[in-house]
Amino acid sequence: MKTPRWLRRRGRLQRSCPRCHAKIGRVHHERCPVARCLATGLQRTGHHEACPCPRDTWSGRWPGAAECFEFGWTYGDGLPDLNRLTATATWDPVAHRWIRPIHRTSTEQETTADGASQ
């Protein structure tokens, strides 16, 4: 089976959402399962109705795919590892994107606010 172009790193952008057919830059339909809650980064369908998040727009790529490629989190033939993304990364509700976690090596020490080593 061929990987859909909106999941490929260098593939052309998908002109419209594969589920609700929103065009690039346009808001997803209310019940679109591709749309994300911009407060949590998770699927918007079924999230709390009182959530004040703005409506998500279609970018031409599957949500989170750009961050997977940026972080090098792919497998197989370049398919983005979206499961790793949601399990490991942190959603930034201001930037509306996933942020890579900061990793410390075993030789780095954690310091307190006053600069003392722990």
N, C-alpha and C. Protein backbone atom coordinates (compact mmCIF):
# COMPACT_ATOMS: atom_id res chain seq x y z
N MET A 1 0.84 -1.19 0.00
CA MET A 1 0.00 0.00 0.00
C MET A 1 0.88 1.24 0.00
N LYS A 2 0.53 2.21 -0.78
CA LYS A 2 1.30 3.44 -0.91
C LYS A 2 0.98 4.42 0.22
N THR A 3 2.01 5.09 0.75
CA THR A 3 1.81 6.07 1.83
C THR A 3 1.12 7.31 1.26
N PRO A 4 0.03 7.78 1.88
CA PRO A 4 -0.65 8.98 1.39
C PRO A 4 0.30 10.17 1.37
N ARG A 5 0.16 11.04 0.40
CA ARG A 5 1.12 12.14 0.23
C ARG A 5 1.11 13.13 1.39
N TRP A 6 0.00 13.28 2.10
CA TRP A 6 -0.03 14.22 3.23
C TRP A 6 0.72 13.68 4.43
N LEU A 7 1.15 12.40 4.36
CA LEU A 7 1.97 11.84 5.43
C LEU A 7 3.45 11.80 5.04
N ARG A 8 3.76 12.07 3.79
CA ARG A 8 5.15 12.02 3.34
C ARG A 8 5.86 13.32 3.63
N ARG A 9 7.15 13.22 3.95
CA ARG A 9 7.96 14.40 4.27
C ARG A 9 8.03 15.36 3.09
N ARG A 10 8.36 14.85 1.93
CA ARG A 10 8.59 15.72 0.78
C ARG A 10 7.45 15.69 -0.23
N GLY A 11 6.39 15.00 0.10
CA GLY A 11 5.26 14.93 -0.82
C GLY A 11 4.55 16.27 -0.93
N ARG A 12 3.83 16.41 -1.99
CA ARG A 12 3.03 17.63 -2.15
C ARG A 12 2.02 17.73 -1.03
N LEU A 13 1.63 18.93 -0.73
CA LEU A 13 0.59 19.13 0.28
C LEU A 13 -0.74 18.61 -0.25
N GLN A 14 -1.52 18.07 0.64
CA GLN A 14 -2.87 17.62 0.28
C GLN A 14 -3.75 18.87 0.25
N ARG A 15 -4.38 19.16 -0.86
CA ARG A 15 -5.15 20.40 -1.01
C ARG A 15 -6.30 20.54 -0.04
N SER A 16 -6.85 19.41 0.37
CA SER A 16 -7.97 19.48 1.31
C SER A 16 -7.88 18.34 2.32
N CYS A 17 -8.50 18.54 3.47
CA CYS A 17 -8.52 17.54 4.53
C CYS A 17 -9.16 16.26 3.98
N PRO A 18 -8.54 15.10 4.24
CA PRO A 18 -9.10 13.86 3.71
C PRO A 18 -10.45 13.47 4.29
N ARG A 19 -10.85 14.08 5.39
CA ARG A 19 -12.14 13.73 6.01
C ARG A 19 -13.23 14.77 5.76
N CYS A 20 -12.95 16.05 6.03
CA CYS A 20 -14.01 17.06 5.91
C CYS A 20 -13.86 17.94 4.66
N HIS A 21 -12.76 17.77 3.95
CA HIS A 21 -12.49 18.47 2.69
C HIS A 21 -12.25 19.97 2.85
N ALA A 22 -11.87 20.41 4.07
CA ALA A 22 -11.50 21.81 4.27
C ALA A 22 -10.23 22.07 3.46
N LYS A 23 -10.17 23.18 2.78
CA LYS A 23 -9.01 23.55 1.98
C LYS A 23 -7.89 24.05 2.89
N ILE A 24 -6.65 24.09 2.39
CA ILE A 24 -5.50 24.58 3.16
C ILE A 24 -5.80 25.98 3.70
N GLY A 25 -5.58 26.16 5.00
CA GLY A 25 -5.82 27.45 5.64
C GLY A 25 -7.25 27.67 6.09
N ARG A 26 -8.13 26.74 5.76
CA ARG A 26 -9.54 26.86 6.15
C ARG A 26 -9.83 26.00 7.37
N VAL A 27 -10.83 26.41 8.13
CA VAL A 27 -11.23 25.71 9.35
C VAL A 27 -11.86 24.36 9.01
N HIS A 28 -11.49 23.33 9.80
CA HIS A 28 -12.12 22.01 9.67
C HIS A 28 -13.59 22.13 10.05
N HIS A 29 -14.40 21.23 9.51
CA HIS A 29 -15.81 21.17 9.90
C HIS A 29 -15.89 20.77 11.36
N GLU A 30 -16.96 21.10 12.01
CA GLU A 30 -17.13 20.91 13.47
C GLU A 30 -16.83 19.50 13.94
N ARG A 31 -17.27 18.48 13.24
CA ARG A 31 -17.11 17.09 13.68
C ARG A 31 -15.98 16.35 12.96
N CYS A 32 -15.07 17.06 12.34
CA CYS A 32 -13.99 16.42 11.59
C CYS A 32 -13.04 15.70 12.55
N PRO A 33 -12.78 14.39 12.35
CA PRO A 33 -11.89 13.66 13.25
C PRO A 33 -10.41 13.99 13.07
N VAL A 34 -10.06 14.71 12.01
CA VAL A 34 -8.67 15.12 11.79
C VAL A 34 -8.34 16.37 12.59
N ALA A 35 -9.33 17.22 12.84
CA ALA A 35 -9.12 18.48 13.56
C ALA A 35 -8.61 18.23 14.97
N ARG A 36 -7.75 19.11 15.46
CA ARG A 36 -7.17 19.01 16.79
C ARG A 36 -7.67 20.14 17.67
N CYS A 37 -7.78 19.84 18.97
CA CYS A 37 -8.07 20.87 19.97
C CYS A 37 -6.77 21.66 20.12
N LEU A 38 -6.80 22.95 19.89
CA LEU A 38 -5.57 23.74 19.95
C LEU A 38 -5.15 24.06 21.38
N ALA A 39 -5.94 23.66 22.37
CA ALA A 39 -5.55 23.80 23.77
C ALA A 39 -4.77 22.57 24.25
N THR A 40 -5.08 21.38 23.67
CA THR A 40 -4.44 20.15 24.14
C THR A 40 -3.63 19.43 23.07
N GLY A 41 -3.89 19.69 21.79
CA GLY A 41 -3.22 19.00 20.70
C GLY A 41 -3.86 17.66 20.37
N LEU A 42 -4.85 17.26 21.13
CA LEU A 42 -5.52 15.98 20.91
C LEU A 42 -6.69 16.15 19.96
N GLN A 43 -7.29 15.05 19.57
CA GLN A 43 -8.40 15.09 18.62
C GLN A 43 -9.53 15.96 19.17
N ARG A 44 -10.05 16.84 18.33
CA ARG A 44 -11.08 17.78 18.74
C ARG A 44 -12.44 17.10 18.90
N THR A 45 -12.74 16.13 18.06
CA THR A 45 -14.02 15.44 18.14
C THR A 45 -14.19 14.81 19.51
N GLY A 46 -15.26 15.13 20.19
CA GLY A 46 -15.54 14.55 21.49
C GLY A 46 -14.88 15.24 22.65
N HIS A 47 -14.12 16.33 22.42
CA HIS A 47 -13.51 17.00 23.56
C HIS A 47 -14.54 17.88 24.25
N HIS A 48 -14.23 18.35 25.43
CA HIS A 48 -15.18 19.09 26.27
C HIS A 48 -15.70 20.33 25.54
N GLU A 49 -17.00 20.47 25.52
CA GLU A 49 -17.63 21.58 24.79
C GLU A 49 -17.31 22.94 25.39
N ALA A 50 -16.92 23.00 26.66
CA ALA A 50 -16.60 24.27 27.30
C ALA A 50 -15.18 24.73 26.98
N CYS A 51 -14.42 23.91 26.27
CA CYS A 51 -13.04 24.27 25.92
C CYS A 51 -13.05 25.53 25.04
N PRO A 52 -12.29 26.55 25.44
CA PRO A 52 -12.29 27.80 24.69
C PRO A 52 -11.30 27.83 23.52
N CYS A 53 -10.84 26.67 23.08
CA CYS A 53 -9.81 26.64 22.03
C CYS A 53 -10.34 27.19 20.71
N PRO A 54 -9.46 27.84 19.95
CA PRO A 54 -9.86 28.28 18.61
C PRO A 54 -10.01 27.07 17.69
N ARG A 55 -10.66 27.24 16.58
CA ARG A 55 -10.87 26.16 15.62
C ARG A 55 -9.59 25.88 14.85
N ASP A 56 -9.32 24.63 14.58
CA ASP A 56 -8.13 24.17 13.87
C ASP A 56 -8.33 24.34 12.36
N THR A 57 -7.24 24.63 11.64
CA THR A 57 -7.30 24.74 10.19
C THR A 57 -6.47 23.64 9.54
N TRP A 58 -6.80 23.28 8.32
CA TRP A 58 -6.06 22.26 7.58
C TRP A 58 -4.79 22.89 7.02
N SER A 59 -3.63 22.24 7.27
CA SER A 59 -2.34 22.77 6.82
C SER A 59 -1.84 22.12 5.54
N GLY A 60 -2.49 21.05 5.12
CA GLY A 60 -2.02 20.31 3.96
C GLY A 60 -1.29 19.04 4.36
N ARG A 61 -1.02 18.88 5.66
CA ARG A 61 -0.36 17.69 6.20
C ARG A 61 -1.14 17.21 7.43
N TRP A 62 -0.98 15.92 7.71
CA TRP A 62 -1.64 15.33 8.88
C TRP A 62 -1.13 16.02 10.14
N PRO A 63 -2.00 16.31 11.13
CA PRO A 63 -1.56 16.98 12.36
C PRO A 63 -0.43 16.22 13.05
N GLY A 64 0.66 16.91 13.35
CA GLY A 64 1.81 16.32 14.03
C GLY A 64 2.87 15.77 13.10
N ALA A 65 2.56 15.59 11.83
CA ALA A 65 3.54 15.02 10.89
C ALA A 65 4.76 15.93 10.75
N ALA A 66 4.57 17.23 10.67
CA ALA A 66 5.71 18.15 10.52
C ALA A 66 6.66 18.06 11.71
N GLU A 67 6.12 17.96 12.92
CA GLU A 67 6.96 17.83 14.11
C GLU A 67 7.70 16.50 14.12
N CYS A 68 7.04 15.42 13.71
CA CYS A 68 7.72 14.11 13.63
C CYS A 68 8.92 14.19 12.71
N PHE A 69 8.76 14.81 11.55
CA PHE A 69 9.88 14.94 10.61
C PHE A 69 10.97 15.83 11.20
N GLU A 70 10.57 16.91 11.86
CA GLU A 70 11.54 17.82 12.49
C GLU A 70 12.36 17.11 13.57
N PHE A 71 11.71 16.26 14.37
CA PHE A 71 12.38 15.57 15.47
C PHE A 71 13.07 14.29 15.02
N GLY A 72 12.86 13.88 13.78
CA GLY A 72 13.46 12.64 13.28
C GLY A 72 12.71 11.41 13.76
N TRP A 73 11.44 11.55 14.12
CA TRP A 73 10.65 10.45 14.64
C TRP A 73 9.82 9.84 13.50
N THR A 74 10.48 9.01 12.71
CA THR A 74 9.81 8.32 11.61
C THR A 74 10.19 6.85 11.65
N TYR A 75 9.46 6.07 10.93
CA TYR A 75 9.79 4.66 10.81
C TYR A 75 9.37 4.18 9.43
N GLY A 76 9.87 3.00 9.08
CA GLY A 76 9.53 2.44 7.78
C GLY A 76 10.02 3.31 6.64
N ASP A 77 9.13 3.62 5.74
CA ASP A 77 9.50 4.41 4.56
C ASP A 77 9.29 5.91 4.78
N GLY A 78 9.61 6.37 6.00
CA GLY A 78 9.48 7.79 6.31
C GLY A 78 8.13 8.18 6.86
N LEU A 79 7.38 7.21 7.34
CA LEU A 79 6.07 7.47 7.93
C LEU A 79 6.27 8.13 9.30
N PRO A 80 5.57 9.23 9.60
CA PRO A 80 5.75 9.88 10.90
C PRO A 80 5.25 9.01 12.05
N ASP A 81 6.01 8.97 13.14
CA ASP A 81 5.64 8.18 14.31
C ASP A 81 4.77 9.05 15.22
N LEU A 82 3.50 9.14 14.90
CA LEU A 82 2.57 10.00 15.63
C LEU A 82 2.30 9.47 17.04
N ASN A 83 2.39 8.17 17.24
CA ASN A 83 2.21 7.62 18.59
C ASN A 83 3.33 8.09 19.51
N ARG A 84 4.57 8.06 19.02
CA ARG A 84 5.70 8.55 19.82
C ARG A 84 5.53 10.04 20.10
N LEU A 85 5.07 10.78 19.12
CA LEU A 85 4.88 12.22 19.28
C LEU A 85 3.93 12.53 20.44
N THR A 86 2.76 11.91 20.43
CA THR A 86 1.78 12.22 21.48
C THR A 86 2.17 11.65 22.84
N ALA A 87 2.98 10.59 22.85
CA ALA A 87 3.41 10.00 24.12
C ALA A 87 4.63 10.70 24.71
N THR A 88 5.46 11.32 23.88
CA THR A 88 6.73 11.86 24.34
C THR A 88 6.81 13.38 24.34
N ALA A 89 6.27 14.00 23.31
CA ALA A 89 6.38 15.46 23.18
C ALA A 89 5.34 16.16 24.06
N THR A 90 5.49 17.47 24.18
CA THR A 90 4.57 18.30 24.96
C THR A 90 3.88 19.26 24.01
N TRP A 91 2.58 19.41 24.17
CA TRP A 91 1.81 20.33 23.34
C TRP A 91 1.98 21.76 23.86
N ASP A 92 2.31 22.70 22.99
CA ASP A 92 2.41 24.11 23.35
C ASP A 92 1.11 24.79 22.89
N PRO A 93 0.22 25.15 23.83
CA PRO A 93 -1.07 25.72 23.45
C PRO A 93 -0.97 27.14 22.90
N VAL A 94 0.16 27.80 23.09
CA VAL A 94 0.34 29.15 22.53
C VAL A 94 0.81 29.06 21.08
N ALA A 95 1.82 28.21 20.85
CA ALA A 95 2.37 28.05 19.50
C ALA A 95 1.54 27.10 18.64
N HIS A 96 0.63 26.35 19.27
CA HIS A 96 -0.20 25.35 18.59
C HIS A 96 0.64 24.33 17.84
N ARG A 97 1.65 23.78 18.57
CA ARG A 97 2.51 22.75 17.99
C ARG A 97 3.11 21.90 19.09
N TRP A 98 3.63 20.73 18.71
CA TRP A 98 4.30 19.84 19.65
C TRP A 98 5.73 20.30 19.85
N ILE A 99 6.21 20.24 21.09
CA ILE A 99 7.57 20.64 21.45
C ILE A 99 8.33 19.40 21.89
N ARG A 100 9.54 19.25 21.38
CA ARG A 100 10.39 18.11 21.73
C ARG A 100 10.82 18.23 23.19
N PRO A 101 10.77 17.14 23.94
CA PRO A 101 11.21 17.21 25.34
C PRO A 101 12.71 17.44 25.43
N ILE A 102 13.14 18.06 26.51
CA ILE A 102 14.56 18.30 26.75
C ILE A 102 15.12 17.06 27.43
N HIS A 103 16.20 16.54 26.88
CA HIS A 103 16.82 15.35 27.45
C HIS A 103 18.13 15.74 28.12
N ARG A 104 18.39 15.17 29.28
CA ARG A 104 19.66 15.37 29.98
C ARG A 104 20.50 14.12 29.81
N THR A 105 21.79 14.30 29.66
CA THR A 105 22.67 13.13 29.63
C THR A 105 22.99 12.76 31.06
N SER A 106 23.57 11.61 31.26
CA SER A 106 23.88 11.15 32.61
C SER A 106 24.97 12.00 33.26
N THR A 107 25.73 12.78 32.48
CA THR A 107 26.80 13.62 33.05
C THR A 107 26.33 15.02 33.41
N GLU A 108 25.13 15.39 32.96
CA GLU A 108 24.62 16.71 33.29
C GLU A 108 23.98 16.69 34.67
N GLN A 109 24.17 17.78 35.42
CA GLN A 109 23.57 17.88 36.75
C GLN A 109 22.43 18.87 36.70
N GLU A 110 21.40 18.56 37.47
CA GLU A 110 20.29 19.48 37.60
C GLU A 110 20.68 20.55 38.61
N THR A 111 20.38 21.81 38.33
CA THR A 111 20.71 22.88 39.25
C THR A 111 19.44 23.54 39.75
N THR A 112 19.51 24.12 40.91
CA THR A 112 18.38 24.83 41.50
C THR A 112 18.41 26.27 41.01
N ALA A 113 17.38 27.03 41.38
CA ALA A 113 17.26 28.42 40.94
C ALA A 113 18.45 29.28 41.41
N ASP A 114 19.06 28.94 42.56
CA ASP A 114 20.20 29.73 43.06
C ASP A 114 21.54 29.24 42.49
N GLY A 115 21.48 28.25 41.57
CA GLY A 115 22.68 27.78 40.91
C GLY A 115 23.38 26.63 41.61
N ALA A 116 22.88 26.16 42.74
CA ALA A 116 23.51 25.05 43.46
C ALA A 116 23.18 23.74 42.77
N SER A 117 24.15 22.84 42.72
CA SER A 117 23.95 21.52 42.13
C SER A 117 23.18 20.64 43.10
N GLN A 118 22.39 19.74 42.54
CA GLN A 118 21.65 18.79 43.38
C GLN A 118 22.23 17.42 43.21
